[in-house]
Amino acid sequence: MTKENPDSAPVPSTVVYINSNTIQPDYITWSTFSTIFMNSCCLGFIAYVYSVKSRDRKVVGDMTGARTYASTAKMLNIIALSISIVVFIIFIALSSLGIIPAIASLHTK
């Protein structure tokens, strides 16, 4: 037989709520921009496909799948952006050195 202490209060419990409906970006706007303006090696279009898959998974409630497709879309968008920036810098460098106008003048003769 145990004797209860009337002075002791019950121990409060802590409840942690984890919100599974956190906003998961699907990068569809970035993928659309990459598809229209920077579609190097069709990476923008592939990123758009993965963004749509991510949005579909999010609607179904599969947040793990949505996160996986979104991270793939993000990586493809980063690669497409990097390739486009490098090509643009090379084009500016060749234009400023006069190589592109020289090549263009060779073809017109």
N, C-alpha and C. Protein backbone atom coordinates (compact mmCIF):
# COMPACT_ATOMS: atom_id res chain seq x y z
N MET A 1 0.84 -1.17 0.00
CA MET A 1 0.00 0.00 0.00
C MET A 1 0.89 1.24 0.00
N THR A 2 0.64 2.13 -0.98
CA THR A 2 1.45 3.34 -1.08
C THR A 2 0.72 4.50 -0.46
N LYS A 3 1.50 5.34 0.09
CA LYS A 3 0.93 6.53 0.72
C LYS A 3 1.18 7.72 -0.20
N GLU A 4 0.11 8.40 -0.63
CA GLU A 4 0.24 9.55 -1.52
C GLU A 4 0.53 10.80 -0.72
N ASN A 5 1.37 11.62 -1.29
CA ASN A 5 1.72 12.88 -0.66
C ASN A 5 0.72 13.93 -1.15
N PRO A 6 -0.05 14.53 -0.31
CA PRO A 6 -1.05 15.50 -0.75
C PRO A 6 -0.43 16.80 -1.24
N ASP A 7 0.84 17.05 -0.92
CA ASP A 7 1.47 18.30 -1.33
C ASP A 7 2.03 18.23 -2.75
N SER A 8 2.19 17.06 -3.31
CA SER A 8 2.79 16.95 -4.64
C SER A 8 1.71 17.15 -5.71
N ALA A 9 2.06 17.93 -6.71
CA ALA A 9 1.14 18.20 -7.83
C ALA A 9 1.43 17.23 -8.96
N PRO A 10 0.45 16.96 -9.81
CA PRO A 10 0.72 16.08 -10.95
C PRO A 10 1.73 16.72 -11.91
N VAL A 11 2.54 15.90 -12.52
CA VAL A 11 3.56 16.38 -13.44
C VAL A 11 2.89 16.75 -14.76
N PRO A 12 3.07 17.99 -15.22
CA PRO A 12 2.43 18.37 -16.49
C PRO A 12 3.14 17.70 -17.67
N SER A 13 2.38 17.39 -18.66
CA SER A 13 2.96 16.78 -19.86
C SER A 13 3.13 17.83 -20.94
N THR A 14 4.07 17.59 -21.81
CA THR A 14 4.34 18.49 -22.92
C THR A 14 3.91 17.82 -24.21
N VAL A 15 3.12 18.53 -25.01
CA VAL A 15 2.64 18.00 -26.28
C VAL A 15 3.23 18.86 -27.39
N VAL A 16 3.87 18.22 -28.34
CA VAL A 16 4.47 18.91 -29.47
C VAL A 16 3.67 18.56 -30.71
N TYR A 17 3.12 19.57 -31.35
CA TYR A 17 2.36 19.36 -32.58
C TYR A 17 3.28 19.62 -33.77
N ILE A 18 3.37 18.67 -34.66
CA ILE A 18 4.17 18.82 -35.86
C ILE A 18 3.21 19.02 -37.02
N ASN A 19 3.34 20.17 -37.64
CA ASN A 19 2.45 20.50 -38.74
C ASN A 19 2.98 19.87 -40.01
N SER A 20 2.27 18.89 -40.54
CA SER A 20 2.73 18.23 -41.77
C SER A 20 2.32 19.01 -43.01
N ASN A 21 1.57 20.07 -42.83
CA ASN A 21 1.12 20.87 -43.97
C ASN A 21 1.99 22.10 -44.17
N THR A 22 3.28 21.97 -43.89
CA THR A 22 4.18 23.09 -44.11
C THR A 22 4.27 23.36 -45.61
N ILE A 23 4.55 24.56 -45.94
CA ILE A 23 4.60 24.95 -47.34
C ILE A 23 5.86 24.37 -47.97
N GLN A 24 5.66 23.49 -48.92
CA GLN A 24 6.76 22.87 -49.65
C GLN A 24 6.82 23.50 -51.03
N PRO A 25 7.89 24.23 -51.34
CA PRO A 25 7.96 24.85 -52.67
C PRO A 25 8.09 23.80 -53.76
N ASP A 26 7.44 24.06 -54.89
CA ASP A 26 7.54 23.12 -56.01
C ASP A 26 8.33 23.70 -57.17
N TYR A 27 8.74 24.95 -57.08
CA TYR A 27 9.61 25.62 -58.05
C TYR A 27 9.00 25.65 -59.46
N ILE A 28 7.69 25.70 -59.55
CA ILE A 28 7.06 25.68 -60.88
C ILE A 28 7.27 27.01 -61.61
N THR A 29 7.32 28.11 -60.88
CA THR A 29 7.55 29.40 -61.54
C THR A 29 8.96 29.47 -62.10
N TRP A 30 9.93 29.05 -61.32
CA TRP A 30 11.32 29.04 -61.76
C TRP A 30 11.50 28.09 -62.94
N SER A 31 10.82 26.94 -62.88
CA SER A 31 10.92 25.97 -63.97
C SER A 31 10.29 26.49 -65.25
N THR A 32 9.18 27.22 -65.12
CA THR A 32 8.55 27.82 -66.30
C THR A 32 9.49 28.85 -66.92
N PHE A 33 10.09 29.68 -66.08
CA PHE A 33 11.05 30.67 -66.57
C PHE A 33 12.24 30.00 -67.25
N SER A 34 12.73 28.92 -66.64
CA SER A 34 13.86 28.20 -67.24
C SER A 34 13.46 27.55 -68.56
N THR A 35 12.23 27.07 -68.66
CA THR A 35 11.77 26.45 -69.90
C THR A 35 11.66 27.47 -71.02
N ILE A 36 11.15 28.65 -70.71
CA ILE A 36 10.93 29.65 -71.75
C ILE A 36 12.22 30.36 -72.14
N PHE A 37 13.02 30.75 -71.17
CA PHE A 37 14.17 31.61 -71.47
C PHE A 37 15.52 30.90 -71.45
N MET A 38 15.69 29.86 -70.66
CA MET A 38 17.01 29.25 -70.49
C MET A 38 16.92 27.75 -70.66
N ASN A 39 16.39 27.28 -71.74
CA ASN A 39 16.17 25.85 -71.93
C ASN A 39 17.40 25.17 -72.52
N SER A 40 18.53 25.34 -71.86
CA SER A 40 19.75 24.72 -72.36
C SER A 40 19.71 23.22 -72.11
N CYS A 41 19.93 22.47 -73.16
CA CYS A 41 19.92 21.00 -73.11
C CYS A 41 18.59 20.45 -72.60
N CYS A 42 17.52 21.19 -72.79
CA CYS A 42 16.16 20.81 -72.35
C CYS A 42 16.06 20.65 -70.84
N LEU A 43 17.00 21.20 -70.09
CA LEU A 43 16.96 21.07 -68.63
C LEU A 43 15.79 21.84 -68.03
N GLY A 44 15.43 22.96 -68.64
CA GLY A 44 14.29 23.73 -68.15
C GLY A 44 12.99 22.95 -68.26
N PHE A 45 12.81 22.26 -69.38
CA PHE A 45 11.60 21.46 -69.57
C PHE A 45 11.56 20.27 -68.61
N ILE A 46 12.70 19.63 -68.40
CA ILE A 46 12.75 18.50 -67.47
C ILE A 46 12.48 18.99 -66.05
N ALA A 47 13.00 20.16 -65.70
CA ALA A 47 12.73 20.73 -64.38
C ALA A 47 11.24 21.05 -64.23
N TYR A 48 10.62 21.51 -65.32
CA TYR A 48 9.18 21.79 -65.29
C TYR A 48 8.39 20.51 -65.04
N VAL A 49 8.78 19.42 -65.66
CA VAL A 49 8.10 18.13 -65.46
C VAL A 49 8.21 17.71 -64.00
N TYR A 50 9.39 17.83 -63.42
CA TYR A 50 9.57 17.45 -62.02
C TYR A 50 8.80 18.40 -61.09
N SER A 51 8.67 19.66 -61.46
CA SER A 51 7.89 20.59 -60.65
C SER A 51 6.41 20.21 -60.65
N VAL A 52 5.91 19.82 -61.81
CA VAL A 52 4.51 19.39 -61.89
C VAL A 52 4.30 18.11 -61.09
N LYS A 53 5.26 17.18 -61.17
CA LYS A 53 5.17 15.97 -60.37
C LYS A 53 5.18 16.30 -58.88
N SER A 54 5.99 17.26 -58.48
CA SER A 54 6.04 17.67 -57.09
C SER A 54 4.71 18.25 -56.65
N ARG A 55 4.10 19.07 -57.49
CA ARG A 55 2.80 19.66 -57.16
C ARG A 55 1.73 18.57 -57.06
N ASP A 56 1.78 17.58 -57.95
CA ASP A 56 0.82 16.48 -57.90
C ASP A 56 0.98 15.67 -56.61
N ARG A 57 2.21 15.40 -56.22
CA ARG A 57 2.45 14.64 -54.99
C ARG A 57 1.96 15.44 -53.77
N LYS A 58 2.14 16.77 -53.83
CA LYS A 58 1.70 17.61 -52.72
C LYS A 58 0.17 17.59 -52.60
N VAL A 59 -0.53 17.59 -53.73
CA VAL A 59 -1.99 17.55 -53.71
C VAL A 59 -2.48 16.22 -53.14
N VAL A 60 -1.80 15.14 -53.48
CA VAL A 60 -2.19 13.81 -53.00
C VAL A 60 -1.91 13.68 -51.50
N GLY A 61 -0.91 14.41 -51.00
CA GLY A 61 -0.55 14.34 -49.60
C GLY A 61 0.75 13.63 -49.33
N ASP A 62 1.44 13.23 -50.37
CA ASP A 62 2.73 12.55 -50.24
C ASP A 62 3.83 13.61 -50.17
N MET A 63 4.10 14.09 -48.96
CA MET A 63 5.06 15.18 -48.80
C MET A 63 6.49 14.72 -49.04
N THR A 64 6.78 13.45 -48.77
CA THR A 64 8.13 12.95 -49.03
C THR A 64 8.41 12.91 -50.52
N GLY A 65 7.46 12.42 -51.30
CA GLY A 65 7.61 12.40 -52.76
C GLY A 65 7.67 13.80 -53.33
N ALA A 66 6.84 14.70 -52.78
CA ALA A 66 6.84 16.08 -53.24
C ALA A 66 8.19 16.73 -52.98
N ARG A 67 8.75 16.45 -51.81
CA ARG A 67 10.06 17.02 -51.47
C ARG A 67 11.15 16.48 -52.39
N THR A 68 11.07 15.19 -52.73
CA THR A 68 12.07 14.58 -53.60
C THR A 68 12.01 15.18 -55.00
N TYR A 69 10.80 15.26 -55.56
CA TYR A 69 10.66 15.84 -56.90
C TYR A 69 11.04 17.32 -56.91
N ALA A 70 10.71 18.04 -55.83
CA ALA A 70 11.04 19.47 -55.77
C ALA A 70 12.55 19.68 -55.70
N SER A 71 13.25 18.84 -54.97
CA SER A 71 14.70 19.02 -54.89
C SER A 71 15.36 18.70 -56.23
N THR A 72 14.80 17.72 -56.96
CA THR A 72 15.32 17.43 -58.31
C THR A 72 15.06 18.60 -59.25
N ALA A 73 13.86 19.17 -59.18
CA ALA A 73 13.54 20.34 -60.02
C ALA A 73 14.44 21.51 -59.68
N LYS A 74 14.71 21.72 -58.40
CA LYS A 74 15.58 22.82 -57.99
C LYS A 74 16.99 22.63 -58.54
N MET A 75 17.51 21.41 -58.45
CA MET A 75 18.86 21.13 -58.94
C MET A 75 18.94 21.33 -60.45
N LEU A 76 17.93 20.87 -61.18
CA LEU A 76 17.92 21.05 -62.64
C LEU A 76 17.83 22.52 -63.01
N ASN A 77 17.06 23.30 -62.25
CA ASN A 77 16.97 24.74 -62.50
C ASN A 77 18.30 25.43 -62.23
N ILE A 78 18.99 25.01 -61.19
CA ILE A 78 20.31 25.59 -60.88
C ILE A 78 21.30 25.27 -62.00
N ILE A 79 21.28 24.04 -62.49
CA ILE A 79 22.19 23.65 -63.57
C ILE A 79 21.87 24.42 -64.84
N ALA A 80 20.57 24.54 -65.18
CA ALA A 80 20.18 25.28 -66.38
C ALA A 80 20.57 26.75 -66.27
N LEU A 81 20.39 27.34 -65.10
CA LEU A 81 20.78 28.73 -64.89
C LEU A 81 22.29 28.90 -65.01
N SER A 82 23.04 27.98 -64.43
CA SER A 82 24.50 28.06 -64.49
C SER A 82 25.01 27.95 -65.93
N ILE A 83 24.47 27.01 -66.68
CA ILE A 83 24.88 26.86 -68.09
C ILE A 83 24.54 28.11 -68.88
N SER A 84 23.36 28.67 -68.65
CA SER A 84 22.96 29.87 -69.38
C SER A 84 23.84 31.06 -69.04
N ILE A 85 24.21 31.20 -67.78
CA ILE A 85 25.08 32.31 -67.38
C ILE A 85 26.47 32.16 -67.99
N VAL A 86 27.01 30.94 -67.99
CA VAL A 86 28.33 30.71 -68.58
C VAL A 86 28.31 31.00 -70.08
N VAL A 87 27.29 30.54 -70.78
CA VAL A 87 27.17 30.80 -72.22
C VAL A 87 27.04 32.29 -72.49
N PHE A 88 26.26 32.99 -71.66
CA PHE A 88 26.09 34.43 -71.83
C PHE A 88 27.40 35.16 -71.61
N ILE A 89 28.16 34.77 -70.60
CA ILE A 89 29.47 35.41 -70.34
C ILE A 89 30.43 35.14 -71.48
N ILE A 90 30.45 33.92 -72.00
CA ILE A 90 31.32 33.60 -73.13
C ILE A 90 30.93 34.42 -74.36
N PHE A 91 29.61 34.55 -74.60
CA PHE A 91 29.14 35.35 -75.73
C PHE A 91 29.55 36.81 -75.59
N ILE A 92 29.41 37.38 -74.39
CA ILE A 92 29.82 38.77 -74.16
C ILE A 92 31.32 38.92 -74.36
N ALA A 93 32.10 37.96 -73.85
CA ALA A 93 33.56 38.04 -74.00
C ALA A 93 33.97 37.96 -75.47
N LEU A 94 33.36 37.04 -76.22
CA LEU A 94 33.70 36.93 -77.64
C LEU A 94 33.26 38.15 -78.42
N SER A 95 32.14 38.73 -78.06
CA SER A 95 31.68 39.94 -78.74
C SER A 95 32.58 41.12 -78.45
N SER A 96 33.01 41.25 -77.20
CA SER A 96 33.85 42.39 -76.84
C SER A 96 35.25 42.26 -77.44
N LEU A 97 35.71 41.06 -77.69
CA LEU A 97 37.01 40.86 -78.32
C LEU A 97 36.95 41.00 -79.84
N GLY A 98 35.76 41.06 -80.38
CA GLY A 98 35.60 41.23 -81.82
C GLY A 98 35.64 39.93 -82.60
N ILE A 99 35.56 38.83 -81.93
CA ILE A 99 35.65 37.53 -82.62
C ILE A 99 34.35 37.21 -83.34
N ILE A 100 33.22 37.49 -82.71
CA ILE A 100 31.93 37.17 -83.35
C ILE A 100 31.70 38.05 -84.58
N PRO A 101 31.96 39.38 -84.53
CA PRO A 101 31.81 40.16 -85.77
C PRO A 101 32.77 39.73 -86.87
N ALA A 102 33.99 39.29 -86.50
CA ALA A 102 34.95 38.83 -87.50
C ALA A 102 34.45 37.56 -88.18
N ILE A 103 33.89 36.66 -87.41
CA ILE A 103 33.35 35.41 -87.98
C ILE A 103 32.14 35.71 -88.86
N ALA A 104 31.31 36.66 -88.43
CA ALA A 104 30.14 37.04 -89.22
C ALA A 104 30.54 37.67 -90.53
N SER A 105 31.63 38.45 -90.54
CA SER A 105 32.07 39.10 -91.78
C SER A 105 32.68 38.07 -92.73
N LEU A 106 33.25 37.00 -92.22
CA LEU A 106 33.78 35.95 -93.08
C LEU A 106 32.67 35.22 -93.83
N HIS A 107 31.54 35.06 -93.22
CA HIS A 107 30.43 34.34 -93.84
C HIS A 107 29.69 35.17 -94.86
N THR A 108 29.80 36.49 -94.78
CA THR A 108 29.06 37.33 -95.73
C THR A 108 29.83 37.54 -97.03
N LYS A 109 31.09 37.23 -97.09
CA LYS A 109 31.88 37.44 -98.31
C LYS A 109 31.70 36.33 -99.29
